[in-house]
C-alpha atoms as a PDB file:
ATOM      1  CA  MET A   1       0.000   0.000   0.000  1.00  0.00           C
ATOM      2  CA  LEU A   2       1.207   3.510  -0.777  1.00  0.00           C
ATOM      3  CA  LEU A   3       2.717   5.047   2.325  1.00  0.00           C
ATOM      4  CA  CYS A   4       0.748   8.247   3.075  1.00  0.00           C
ATOM      5  CA  ARG A   5       1.547  10.479   6.009  1.00  0.00           C
ATOM      6  CA  PRO A   6      -0.513  13.457   7.195  1.00  0.00           C
ATOM      7  CA  PRO A   7       0.605  16.921   6.063  1.00  0.00           C
ATOM      8  CA  VAL A   8       3.253  18.497   8.277  1.00  0.00           C
ATOM      9  CA  VAL A   9       2.823  22.262   8.342  1.00  0.00           C
ATOM     10  CA  LEU A  10       6.096  22.660  10.148  1.00  0.00           C
ATOM     11  CA  LEU A  11       8.258  20.303   8.183  1.00  0.00           C
ATOM     12  CA  LEU A  12      10.937  20.148  10.860  1.00  0.00           C
ATOM     13  CA  ALA A  13       8.419  18.341  13.048  1.00  0.00           C
ATOM     14  CA  ALA A  14       9.198  15.355  10.854  1.00  0.00           C
ATOM     15  CA  LEU A  15      12.613  15.381  12.479  1.00  0.00           C
ATOM     16  CA  GLY A  16      11.340  16.100  15.963  1.00  0.00           C
ATOM     17  CA  LEU A  17      12.945  19.564  15.904  1.00  0.00           C
ATOM     18  CA  THR A  18      11.316  22.689  17.302  1.00  0.00           C
ATOM     19  CA  GLY A  19      12.367  26.239  17.997  1.00  0.00           C
ATOM     20  CA  CYS A  20      14.376  28.662  15.882  1.00  0.00           C
ATOM     21  CA  GLY A  21      16.479  30.084  18.657  1.00  0.00           C
ATOM     22  CA  GLY A  22      20.018  29.274  19.602  1.00  0.00           C
ATOM     23  CA  GLN A  23      23.328  29.475  17.871  1.00  0.00           C
ATOM     24  CA  ASN A  24      24.387  27.264  15.019  1.00  0.00           C
ATOM     25  CA  ASP A  25      26.720  24.435  15.916  1.00  0.00           C
ATOM     26  CA  ASP A  26      30.087  25.646  14.692  1.00  0.00           C
ATOM     27  CA  ALA A  27      31.442  22.131  15.044  1.00  0.00           C
ATOM     28  CA  LYS A  28      29.352  20.935  12.108  1.00  0.00           C
ATOM     29  CA  SER A  29      31.296  20.358   8.925  1.00  0.00           C
ATOM     30  CA  THR A  30      30.269  22.327   5.854  1.00  0.00           C
ATOM     31  CA  GLN A  31      31.607  19.419   3.830  1.00  0.00           C
ATOM     32  CA  ARG A  32      28.842  17.029   4.887  1.00  0.00           C
ATOM     33  CA  LYS A  33      28.628  14.060   2.549  1.00  0.00           C
ATOM     34  CA  ASP A  34      25.216  13.099   1.178  1.00  0.00           C
ATOM     35  CA  SER A  35      26.599  10.088  -0.678  1.00  0.00           C
ATOM     36  CA  PRO A  36      30.109   8.722  -1.256  1.00  0.00           C
ATOM     37  CA  GLY A  37      32.243  11.352  -2.989  1.00  0.00           C
ATOM     38  CA  VAL A  38      29.409  13.915  -3.199  1.00  0.00           C
ATOM     39  CA  THR A  39      29.626  17.056  -1.073  1.00  0.00           C
ATOM     40  CA  PHE A  40      26.541  18.796   0.249  1.00  0.00           C
ATOM     41  CA  ASN A  41      27.040  21.798  -2.049  1.00  0.00           C
ATOM     42  CA  ALA A  42      27.311  19.522  -5.081  1.00  0.00           C
ATOM     43  CA  ALA A  43      24.094  17.776  -4.040  1.00  0.00           C
ATOM     44  CA  ILE A  44      22.310  21.140  -3.819  1.00  0.00           C
ATOM     45  CA  ARG A  45      23.526  22.157  -7.272  1.00  0.00           C
ATOM     46  CA  ASP A  46      22.218  18.893  -8.676  1.00  0.00           C
ATOM     47  CA  ALA A  47      18.905  19.412  -6.877  1.00  0.00           C
ATOM     48  CA  GLN A  48      18.532  22.845  -8.459  1.00  0.00           C
ATOM     49  CA  ALA A  49      19.019  21.559 -12.009  1.00  0.00           C
ATOM     50  CA  VAL A  50      15.918  19.435 -12.546  1.00  0.00           C
ATOM     51  CA  LYS A  51      13.472  19.035 -15.420  1.00  0.00           C
ATOM     52  CA  ALA A  52      10.410  16.892 -16.082  1.00  0.00           C
ATOM     53  CA  GLY A  53      12.394  14.670 -18.441  1.00  0.00           C
ATOM     54  CA  ASP A  54      14.524  13.472 -15.518  1.00  0.00           C
ATOM     55  CA  PHE A  55      11.548  11.439 -14.255  1.00  0.00           C
ATOM     56  CA  PRO A  56       9.251   8.800 -15.771  1.00  0.00           C
ATOM     57  CA  LYS A  57       5.915   9.811 -17.242  1.00  0.00           C
ATOM     58  CA  PRO A  58       2.886   8.232 -15.539  1.00  0.00           C
ATOM     59  CA  GLU A  59       1.643   6.700 -18.833  1.00  0.00           C
ATOM     60  CA  GLY A  60      -1.667   5.808 -17.231  1.00  0.00           C
ATOM     61  CA  ARG A  61      -0.188   4.363 -14.052  1.00  0.00           C
ATOM     62  CA  THR A  62      -1.614   5.102 -10.625  1.00  0.00           C
ATOM     63  CA  LEU A  63       0.308   6.799  -7.859  1.00  0.00           C
ATOM     64  CA  GLN A  64       0.528   3.424  -6.131  1.00  0.00           C
ATOM     65  CA  GLN A  65       2.017   1.753  -9.200  1.00  0.00           C
ATOM     66  CA  ILE A  66       4.673   4.450  -9.515  1.00  0.00           C
ATOM     67  CA  ALA A  67       5.560   4.306  -5.820  1.00  0.00           C
ATOM     68  CA  LYS A  68       5.589   0.563  -5.207  1.00  0.00           C
ATOM     69  CA  THR A  69       9.118  -0.105  -6.478  1.00  0.00           C
ATOM     70  CA  LEU A  70      10.711   2.842  -4.649  1.00  0.00           C
ATOM     71  CA  PRO A  71      12.354   2.780  -1.204  1.00  0.00           C
ATOM     72  CA  ALA A  72       9.952   4.723   1.019  1.00  0.00           C
ATOM     73  CA  VAL A  73      11.199   7.769   2.938  1.00  0.00           C
ATOM     74  CA  ASN A  74       9.379  10.677   4.581  1.00  0.00           C
ATOM     75  CA  VAL A  75       8.154  14.010   3.269  1.00  0.00           C
ATOM     76  CA  GLY A  76       7.403  17.077   5.388  1.00  0.00           C
ATOM     77  CA  LEU A  77       5.226  19.800   3.912  1.00  0.00           C
ATOM     78  CA  ALA A  78       6.268  23.414   4.419  1.00  0.00           C
ATOM     79  CA  THR A  79       2.959  24.740   3.072  1.00  0.00           C
ATOM     80  CA  SER A  80      -0.544  24.162   4.416  1.00  0.00           C
ATOM     81  CA  VAL A  81      -2.954  26.542   2.651  1.00  0.00           C
ATOM     82  CA  TYR A  82      -4.296  25.246  -0.666  1.00  0.00           C
ATOM     83  CA  THR A  83      -7.321  26.450  -2.628  1.00  0.00           C
ATOM     84  CA  PRO A  84      -8.569  25.451  -6.100  1.00  0.00           C
ATOM     85  CA  GLY A  85      -6.175  26.626  -8.822  1.00  0.00           C
ATOM     86  CA  LYS A  86      -2.410  27.116  -8.892  1.00  0.00           C
ATOM     87  CA  ASN A  87      -0.668  26.498  -5.582  1.00  0.00           C
ATOM     88  CA  ARG A  88       2.898  26.621  -4.305  1.00  0.00           C
ATOM     89  CA  LEU A  89       3.877  23.259  -2.817  1.00  0.00           C
ATOM     90  CA  ALA A  90       7.024  23.362  -0.673  1.00  0.00           C
ATOM     91  CA  PHE A  91       8.485  20.403   1.178  1.00  0.00           C
ATOM     92  CA  GLY A  92      11.502  18.515   2.438  1.00  0.00           C
ATOM     93  CA  VAL A  93      12.437  14.866   1.885  1.00  0.00           C
ATOM     94  CA  ILE A  94      13.867  12.987   4.870  1.00  0.00           C
ATOM     95  CA  ASP A  95      15.647   9.635   4.701  1.00  0.00           C
ATOM     96  CA  GLU A  96      15.559   6.680   7.083  1.00  0.00           C
ATOM     97  CA  GLU A  97      18.442   8.181   9.075  1.00  0.00           C
ATOM     98  CA  GLN A  98      16.428  11.389   9.635  1.00  0.00           C
ATOM     99  CA  ARG A  99      18.580  13.452   7.281  1.00  0.00           C
ATOM    100  CA  PHE A 100      17.303  15.766   4.583  1.00  0.00           C
ATOM    101  CA  VAL A 101      17.730  14.315   1.117  1.00  0.00           C
ATOM    102  CA  TYR A 102      19.042  16.631  -1.609  1.00  0.00           C
ATOM    103  CA  GLY A 103      18.900  15.581  -5.247  1.00  0.00           C
ATOM    104  CA  LYS A 104      16.807  15.912  -8.370  1.00  0.00           C
ATOM    105  CA  THR A 105      13.188  15.870  -7.203  1.00  0.00           C
ATOM    106  CA  ALA A 106       9.732  15.949  -8.771  1.00  0.00           C
ATOM    107  CA  VAL A 107       6.141  15.564  -7.606  1.00  0.00           C
ATOM    108  CA  TYR A 108       3.232  13.390  -8.791  1.00  0.00           C
ATOM    109  CA  LEU A 109      -0.380  14.045  -7.774  1.00  0.00           C
ATOM    110  CA  ALA A 110      -3.626  12.060  -7.727  1.00  0.00           C
ATOM    111  CA  ARG A 111      -7.005  12.195  -5.996  1.00  0.00           C
ATOM    112  CA  GLY A 112      -6.285   8.791  -4.494  1.00  0.00           C
ATOM    113  CA  PRO A 113      -3.428   6.246  -4.388  1.00  0.00           C
ATOM    114  CA  ASP A 114      -5.229   4.086  -6.968  1.00  0.00           C
ATOM    115  CA  GLU A 115      -6.112   7.020  -9.240  1.00  0.00           C
ATOM    116  CA  THR A 116      -4.182   7.926 -12.388  1.00  0.00           C
ATOM    117  CA  ALA A 117      -1.167  10.046 -11.500  1.00  0.00           C
ATOM    118  CA  LEU A 118      -0.490  13.549 -12.808  1.00  0.00           C
ATOM    119  CA  GLY A 119       3.059  14.801 -13.324  1.00  0.00           C
ATOM    120  CA  PRO A 120       5.945  14.785 -12.995  1.00  0.00           C
ATOM    121  CA  PHE A 121       6.198  18.381 -11.766  1.00  0.00           C
ATOM    122  CA  PRO A 122       9.867  19.366 -11.282  1.00  0.00           C
ATOM    123  CA  ALA A 123      10.607  20.679  -7.777  1.00  0.00           C
ATOM    124  CA  PRO A 124      14.035  22.347  -7.715  1.00  0.00           C
ATOM    125  CA  ALA A 125      15.750  22.973  -4.400  1.00  0.00           C
ATOM    126  CA  ASP A 126      15.982  26.596  -3.246  1.00  0.00           C
ATOM    127  CA  PRO A 127      18.823  27.297  -0.770  1.00  0.00           C
ATOM    128  CA  LEU A 128      18.139  29.085   2.522  1.00  0.00           C
ATOM    129  CA  VAL A 129      21.797  29.959   3.076  1.00  0.00           C
ATOM    130  CA  VAL A 130      22.901  33.603   2.825  1.00  0.00           C
ATOM    131  CA  ALA A 131      26.286  35.312   2.739  1.00  0.00           C
ATOM    132  CA  PRO A 132      28.084  35.392   6.127  1.00  0.00           C
ATOM    133  CA  ALA A 133      27.497  39.147   6.525  1.00  0.00           C
ATOM    134  CA  PHE A 134      23.725  38.567   6.694  1.00  0.00           C
ATOM    135  CA  ARG A 135      23.668  35.522   8.969  1.00  0.00           C
ATOM    136  CA  SER A 136      21.936  35.817  12.322  1.00  0.00           C
ATOM    137  CA  GLN A 137      22.213  33.603  15.373  1.00  0.00           C
ATOM    138  CA  ALA A 138      19.470  31.379  13.878  1.00  0.00           C
ATOM    139  CA  ALA A 139      20.924  31.342  10.365  1.00  0.00           C
ATOM    140  CA  ALA A 140      20.863  28.394   8.004  1.00  0.00           C
ATOM    141  CA  THR A 141      24.288  27.059   7.060  1.00  0.00           C
ATOM    142  CA  GLU A 142      25.420  24.381   4.655  1.00  0.00           C
ATOM    143  CA  SER A 143      25.684  21.876   7.503  1.00  0.00           C
ATOM    144  CA  ASP A 144      22.258  22.479   9.064  1.00  0.00           C
ATOM    145  CA  GLU A 145      19.414  19.983   9.222  1.00  0.00           C
ATOM    146  CA  ILE A 146      17.670  22.062   6.570  1.00  0.00           C
ATOM    147  CA  ALA A 147      19.597  24.337   4.236  1.00  0.00           C
ATOM    148  CA  ALA A 148      17.324  24.212   1.179  1.00  0.00           C
ATOM    149  CA  ILE A 149      13.655  23.620   0.418  1.00  0.00           C
ATOM    150  CA  TYR A 150      11.981  21.958  -2.561  1.00  0.00           C
ATOM    151  CA  GLU A 151       9.125  23.778  -4.230  1.00  0.00           C
ATOM    152  CA  THR A 152       6.916  23.532  -7.287  1.00  0.00           C
ATOM    153  CA  GLN A 153       3.674  24.979  -8.634  1.00  0.00           C
ATOM    154  CA  VAL A 154       0.791  22.523  -8.934  1.00  0.00           C
ATOM    155  CA  ASP A 155      -2.744  22.905 -10.257  1.00  0.00           C
ATOM    156  CA  LEU A 156      -5.305  21.612  -7.763  1.00  0.00           C
ATOM    157  CA  PRO A 157      -8.632  22.110  -9.572  1.00  0.00           C
ATOM    158  CA  LYS A 158     -10.990  20.738  -6.920  1.00  0.00           C
ATOM    159  CA  PRO A 159     -11.351  20.932  -3.124  1.00  0.00           C
ATOM    160  CA  GLY A 160     -10.741  17.825  -1.044  1.00  0.00           C
ATOM    161  CA  ARG A 161      -7.878  15.492  -0.306  1.00  0.00           C
ATOM    162  CA  TRP A 162      -5.041  15.085  -2.787  1.00  0.00           C
ATOM    163  CA  HIS A 163      -2.304  12.465  -2.596  1.00  0.00           C
ATOM    164  CA  VAL A 164       1.293  13.495  -3.261  1.00  0.00           C
ATOM    165  CA  LEU A 165       4.337  11.432  -4.199  1.00  0.00           C
ATOM    166  CA  ALA A 166       7.716  13.158  -4.135  1.00  0.00           C
ATOM    167  CA  MET A 167      10.373  11.262  -6.090  1.00  0.00           C
ATOM    168  CA  SER A 168      14.013  12.113  -5.340  1.00  0.00           C
ATOM    169  CA  LYS A 169      17.157  10.884  -7.069  1.00  0.00           C
ATOM    170  CA  ALA A 170      19.883  11.162  -4.456  1.00  0.00           C
ATOM    171  CA  GLN A 171      22.582   9.152  -2.693  1.00  0.00           C
ATOM    172  CA  GLY A 172      22.758   6.888  -5.744  1.00  0.00           C
ATOM    173  CA  LYS A 173      19.128   5.814  -5.293  1.00  0.00           C
ATOM    174  CA  THR A 174      15.615   6.851  -6.257  1.00  0.00           C
ATOM    175  CA  PHE A 175      13.335   7.441  -3.262  1.00  0.00           C
ATOM    176  CA  GLY A 176       9.575   7.821  -2.954  1.00  0.00           C
ATOM    177  CA  ALA A 177       8.046  10.015  -0.252  1.00  0.00           C
ATOM    178  CA  ALA A 178       4.257  10.189   0.050  1.00  0.00           C
ATOM    179  CA  THR A 179       1.835  12.436   1.890  1.00  0.00           C
ATOM    180  CA  THR A 180      -1.583  14.031   1.520  1.00  0.00           C
ATOM    181  CA  LEU A 181      -2.843  17.593   1.477  1.00  0.00           C
ATOM    182  CA  GLU A 182      -6.268  19.193   1.873  1.00  0.00           C
ATOM    183  CA  VAL A 183      -7.593  21.726  -0.624  1.00  0.00           C
ATOM    184  CA  THR A 184     -10.252  24.013   0.872  1.00  0.00           C
ATOM    185  CA  ARG A 185     -12.867  25.902  -1.131  1.00  0.00           C
ATOM    186  CA  SER A 186     -11.503  29.275  -0.053  1.00  0.00           C
ATOM    187  CA  SER A 187      -9.164  31.046   2.358  1.00  0.00           C
ATOM    188  CA  SER A 188      -9.370  34.320   4.252  1.00  0.00           C
ATOM    189  CA  ILE A 189      -5.669  34.954   3.651  1.00  0.00           C
ATOM    190  CA  PRO A 190      -5.072  37.597   0.940  1.00  0.00           C
ATOM    191  CA  ALA A 191      -4.084  36.017  -2.374  1.00  0.00           C
ATOM    192  CA  LYS A 192      -2.351  37.376  -5.446  1.00  0.00           C
ATOM    193  CA  GLY A 193      -4.375  40.272  -6.851  1.00  0.00           C
ATOM    194  CA  ASP A 194      -6.224  40.993  -3.590  1.00  0.00           C
ATOM    195  CA  ARG A 195      -5.902  44.365  -1.923  1.00  0.00           C
ATOM    196  CA  ALA A 196      -3.638  44.025   1.109  1.00  0.00           C
ATOM    197  CA  PRO A 197      -5.244  44.911   4.479  1.00  0.00           C
ATOM    198  CA  ARG A 198      -4.113  48.407   5.464  1.00  0.00           C
ATOM    199  CA  THR A 199      -2.848  47.492   8.909  1.00  0.00           C
ATOM    200  CA  ALA A 200      -0.309  49.106  11.208  1.00  0.00           C
ATOM    201  CA  THR A 201       2.808  47.050  11.821  1.00  0.00           C
ATOM    202  CA  ASP A 202       5.243  47.541  14.684  1.00  0.00           C
ATOM    203  CA  ALA A 203       7.910  50.148  14.005  1.00  0.00           C
ATOM    204  CA  LEU A 204      10.688  51.708  16.067  1.00  0.00           C
ATOM    205  CA  THR A 205       8.569  54.798  16.644  1.00  0.00           C
ATOM    206  CA  SER A 206       5.599  52.833  17.999  1.00  0.00           C
ATOM    207  CA  ALA A 207       7.982  50.800  20.183  1.00  0.00           C
ATOM    208  CA  ALA A 208       9.600  53.951  21.600  1.00  0.00           C
ATOM    209  CA  GLY A 209      12.901  52.850  20.119  1.00  0.00           C
ATOM    210  CA  ASP A 210      12.937  49.501  21.953  1.00  0.00           C
ATOM    211  CA  ILE A 211      14.071  47.220  19.120  1.00  0.00           C
ATOM    212  CA  LYS A 212      13.998  44.082  21.278  1.00  0.00           C
ATOM    213  CA  ALA A 213      10.277  44.582  21.854  1.00  0.00           C
ATOM    214  CA  ILE A 214       9.583  44.210  18.121  1.00  0.00           C
ATOM    215  CA  ASP A 215      12.412  41.974  16.894  1.00  0.00           C
ATOM    216  CA  THR A 216      13.644  38.649  18.288  1.00  0.00           C
ATOM    217  CA  ARG A 217      16.415  38.318  15.716  1.00  0.00           C
ATOM    218  CA  VAL A 218      19.973  38.285  17.093  1.00  0.00           C
ATOM    219  CA  PRO A 219      21.283  40.727  16.057  1.00  0.00           C
ATOM    220  CA  PRO A 220      18.139  42.784  15.299  1.00  0.00           C
ATOM    221  CA  ASP A 221      17.509  43.687  11.669  1.00  0.00           C
ATOM    222  CA  ASP A 222      16.819  47.117  10.193  1.00  0.00           C
ATOM    223  CA  MET A 223      13.354  46.394   8.749  1.00  0.00           C
ATOM    224  CA  HIS A 224      11.282  48.317  11.305  1.00  0.00           C
ATOM    225  CA  GLU A 225      11.628  51.882  10.069  1.00  0.00           C
ATOM    226  CA  ARG A 226       8.058  52.341   8.837  1.00  0.00           C
ATOM    227  CA  SER A 227       4.621  50.914   9.494  1.00  0.00           C
ATOM    228  CA  PHE A 228       2.949  49.003   6.675  1.00  0.00           C
ATOM    229  CA  LYS A 229      -0.116  51.292   6.722  1.00  0.00           C
ATOM    230  CA  ASP A 230       2.092  54.320   6.042  1.00  0.00           C
ATOM    231  CA  VAL A 231       3.747  52.922   2.915  1.00  0.00           C
ATOM    232  CA  VAL A 232       1.229  50.519   1.325  1.00  0.00           C
ATOM    233  CA  GLY A 233      -0.157  51.997  -1.889  1.00  0.00           C
ATOM    234  CA  ARG A 234       2.779  54.404  -2.146  1.00  0.00           C
ATOM    235  CA  LYS A 235       5.648  52.051  -3.003  1.00  0.00           C
ATOM    236  CA  PRO A 236       6.232  48.287  -3.319  1.00  0.00           C
ATOM    237  CA  VAL A 237       6.492  46.475   0.025  1.00  0.00           C
ATOM    238  CA  ALA A 238       7.932  43.152   1.176  1.00  0.00           C
ATOM    239  CA  LEU A 239       6.059  42.339   4.397  1.00  0.00           C
ATOM    240  CA  LEU A 240       7.527  39.384   6.278  1.00  0.00           C
ATOM    241  CA  PHE A 241       5.792  37.797   9.267  1.00  0.00           C
ATOM    242  CA  ALA A 242       8.397  35.791  11.193  1.00  0.00           C
ATOM    243  CA  THR A 243       9.797  35.310  14.689  1.00  0.00           C
ATOM    244  CA  PRO A 244      13.413  34.076  14.573  1.00  0.00           C
ATOM    245  CA  GLN A 245      13.682  33.091  18.253  1.00  0.00           C
ATOM    246  CA  LEU A 246      10.130  31.831  18.891  1.00  0.00           C
ATOM    247  CA  CYS A 247       9.352  30.059  15.625  1.00  0.00           C
ATOM    248  CA  GLN A 248       7.709  26.652  15.783  1.00  0.00           C
ATOM    249  CA  SER A 249      10.173  25.375  13.153  1.00  0.00           C
ATOM    250  CA  ARG A 250      13.755  26.177  12.164  1.00  0.00           C
ATOM    251  CA  VAL A 251      12.835  28.338   9.166  1.00  0.00           C
ATOM    252  CA  CYS A 252      11.922  31.783  10.555  1.00  0.00           C
ATOM    253  CA  GLY A 253      15.524  32.795  11.208  1.00  0.00           C
ATOM    254  CA  PRO A 254      16.717  31.865   7.715  1.00  0.00           C
ATOM    255  CA  VAL A 255      13.883  33.692   5.900  1.00  0.00           C
ATOM    256  CA  VAL A 256      14.563  36.892   7.844  1.00  0.00           C
ATOM    257  CA  ASP A 257      18.244  36.564   6.932  1.00  0.00           C
ATOM    258  CA  ILE A 258      17.236  36.235   3.275  1.00  0.00           C
ATOM    259  CA  ALA A 259      15.140  39.403   3.615  1.00  0.00           C
ATOM    260  CA  ALA A 260      18.119  41.247   5.102  1.00  0.00           C
ATOM    261  CA  GLN A 261      20.316  40.150   2.206  1.00  0.00           C
ATOM    262  CA  LEU A 262      17.771  41.081  -0.471  1.00  0.00           C
ATOM    263  CA  LYS A 263      17.175  44.469   1.170  1.00  0.00           C
ATOM    264  CA  GLU A 264      20.763  45.259   0.271  1.00  0.00           C
ATOM    265  CA  GLN A 265      19.836  44.769  -3.393  1.00  0.00           C
ATOM    266  CA  TYR A 266      16.271  46.077  -3.532  1.00  0.00           C
ATOM    267  CA  GLY A 267      15.990  48.429  -0.551  1.00  0.00           C
ATOM    268  CA  ASP A 268      16.019  51.576  -2.682  1.00  0.00           C
ATOM    269  CA  ARG A 269      12.901  50.410  -4.569  1.00  0.00           C
ATOM    270  CA  VAL A 270      11.052  48.240  -2.042  1.00  0.00           C
ATOM    271  CA  GLU A 271      10.122  48.861   1.594  1.00  0.00           C
ATOM    272  CA  PHE A 272      11.174  45.816   3.649  1.00  0.00           C
ATOM    273  CA  ILE A 273       9.129  45.275   6.818  1.00  0.00           C
ATOM    274  CA  HIS A 274       9.709  42.501   9.354  1.00  0.00           C
ATOM    275  CA  GLN A 275       6.747  41.926  11.667  1.00  0.00           C
ATOM    276  CA  GLU A 276       7.128  39.796  14.778  1.00  0.00           C
ATOM    277  CA  VAL A 277       4.446  37.195  15.482  1.00  0.00           C
ATOM    278  CA  PHE A 278       3.533  36.974  19.187  1.00  0.00           C
ATOM    279  CA  VAL A 279       2.227  39.730  21.479  1.00  0.00           C
ATOM    280  CA  ASP A 280       5.092  40.959  23.713  1.00  0.00           C
ATOM    281  CA  ASN A 281       7.150  38.138  22.180  1.00  0.00           C
ATOM    282  CA  GLU A 282       5.345  35.647  24.419  1.00  0.00           C
ATOM    283  CA  VAL A 283       3.766  32.664  22.670  1.00  0.00           C
ATOM    284  CA  ASN A 284       1.004  32.245  25.253  1.00  0.00           C
ATOM    285  CA  LYS A 285      -0.277  35.788  24.580  1.00  0.00           C
ATOM    286  CA  GLY A 286      -1.297  34.906  21.044  1.00  0.00           C
ATOM    287  CA  LEU A 287      -0.747  36.543  17.686  1.00  0.00           C
ATOM    288  CA  ARG A 288      -0.098  40.224  17.143  1.00  0.00           C
ATOM    289  CA  PRO A 289      -2.902  42.251  15.447  1.00  0.00           C
ATOM    290  CA  PRO A 290      -1.258  42.457  11.979  1.00  0.00           C
ATOM    291  CA  LEU A 291      -1.298  38.656  11.682  1.00  0.00           C
ATOM    292  CA  ARG A 292      -4.964  38.564  12.612  1.00  0.00           C
ATOM    293  CA  ARG A 293      -5.726  41.228   9.994  1.00  0.00           C
ATOM    294  CA  PHE A 294      -4.083  39.035   7.356  1.00  0.00           C
ATOM    295  CA  GLY A 295      -5.928  35.930   8.558  1.00  0.00           C
ATOM    296  CA  LEU A 296      -2.725  34.115   9.512  1.00  0.00           C
ATOM    297  CA  LYS A 297      -2.502  31.204  11.936  1.00  0.00           C
ATOM    298  CA  THR A 298       0.983  29.930  11.046  1.00  0.00           C
ATOM    299  CA  GLU A 299       4.349  31.515  10.359  1.00  0.00           C
ATOM    300  CA  PRO A 300       6.456  32.517   8.579  1.00  0.00           C
ATOM    301  CA  TRP A 301       4.579  34.255   5.726  1.00  0.00           C
ATOM    302  CA  LEU A 302       5.799  36.732   3.116  1.00  0.00           C
ATOM    303  CA  PHE A 303       3.550  39.109   1.175  1.00  0.00           C
ATOM    304  CA  THR A 304       4.943  41.355  -1.524  1.00  0.00           C
ATOM    305  CA  VAL A 305       2.629  44.210  -2.396  1.00  0.00           C
ATOM    306  CA  ASP A 306       2.812  46.380  -5.511  1.00  0.00           C
ATOM    307  CA  ARG A 307       2.597  50.150  -5.760  1.00  0.00           C
ATOM    308  CA  GLN A 308      -1.190  49.944  -6.098  1.00  0.00           C
ATOM    309  CA  GLY A 309      -1.499  48.129  -2.775  1.00  0.00           C
ATOM    310  CA  ARG A 310      -2.346  44.720  -4.217  1.00  0.00           C
ATOM    311  CA  VAL A 311      -0.685  41.439  -3.292  1.00  0.00           C
ATOM    312  CA  ALA A 312       1.825  40.545  -6.001  1.00  0.00           C
ATOM    313  CA  ALA A 313       2.978  37.284  -4.404  1.00  0.00           C
ATOM    314  CA  ARG A 314       2.690  35.366  -1.153  1.00  0.00           C
ATOM    315  CA  LEU A 315       4.908  32.668   0.290  1.00  0.00           C
ATOM    316  CA  GLU A 316       4.077  30.411   3.219  1.00  0.00           C
ATOM    317  CA  GLY A 317       6.364  28.373   5.416  1.00  0.00           C
ATOM    318  CA  SER A 318       9.905  27.795   4.294  1.00  0.00           C
ATOM    319  CA  PHE A 319      11.105  29.629   1.188  1.00  0.00           C
ATOM    320  CA  GLY A 320      14.547  30.177  -0.231  1.00  0.00           C
ATOM    321  CA  ASN A 321      16.506  32.921  -1.922  1.00  0.00           C
ATOM    322  CA  GLN A 322      15.088  32.414  -5.388  1.00  0.00           C
ATOM    323  CA  ALA A 323      11.443  32.285  -4.303  1.00  0.00           C
ATOM    324  CA  PHE A 324      11.872  35.451  -2.220  1.00  0.00           C
ATOM    325  CA  LYS A 325      13.558  37.233  -5.129  1.00  0.00           C
ATOM    326  CA  ARG A 326      10.790  36.232  -7.561  1.00  0.00           C
ATOM    327  CA  ALA A 327       8.202  37.556  -5.111  1.00  0.00           C
ATOM    328  CA  ILE A 328       9.985  40.910  -4.955  1.00  0.00           C
ATOM    329  CA  GLU A 329      10.268  41.120  -8.733  1.00  0.00           C
ATOM    330  CA  ALA A 330       6.525  40.442  -8.996  1.00  0.00           C
ATOM    331  CA  ALA A 331       5.844  43.558  -6.885  1.00  0.00           C
ATOM    332  CA  LEU A 332       8.035  45.670  -9.164  1.00  0.00           C
END
């Protein structure tokens, strides 16, 4: 039977890891080997260069028939909100030794394990690692448990449960990782083309200059100069909801680092705003008002908003350098 696991919103839960805080382990080797003679960086490069032709066509086969000959590993979803139409599907593949698998990867879809499969949809890896100058205490490095995320765009035409098979060619093998996802009829979260809620975000002025009250990053970033309500509709905005030290996965720190790096490139044309997640930076006090205005229940989330105040792109969960850059370009 096709191995199907429930969706994991916080994909690091698949490894039993929680919390974004704490320093990186400097003792880890950046020359981690993913298979004999293959360095981690080489594996990532291979995982970025993927096309549909690298994987077999379904040719009428079911998802079960495609999966049955493959060694089964685990998949953790980094996205959880799906509605009918085009959707971003981001995930990690985890082997039997609880390590992330990096290699050429694609996705197959079906309404059920015994239904005809759709695909393959190439899912290139997108690195989370930034240049040393932009790395925080919770940064992603080449030797971390997760240093890149797979993502693809899939068309989910109908609500309901969909079955997913991720196929990865890595470590000299071809793996199959299966899960399911739920497509809802609609979502209250602003989508591409929607007008962004004109909400006030925390800024240095509203925090009386107390940066630690509105930023858990170590060191704090410089994306708190203006409130979202004061700039939306006047210039493009990259609004990032993330809490580096209180995140329920290990991805908030890296995405804020990516924002800091891209601000260096786009800061003269785009307003970068980092909004913390929890009231008074205490999880038990619940979500801050800007998250409620956007209908958010998870984090991190990125919304890029164009000069007209409409959402140009949104990214949920883990997202890498290339996805963030494409979202910014969409707002320009």
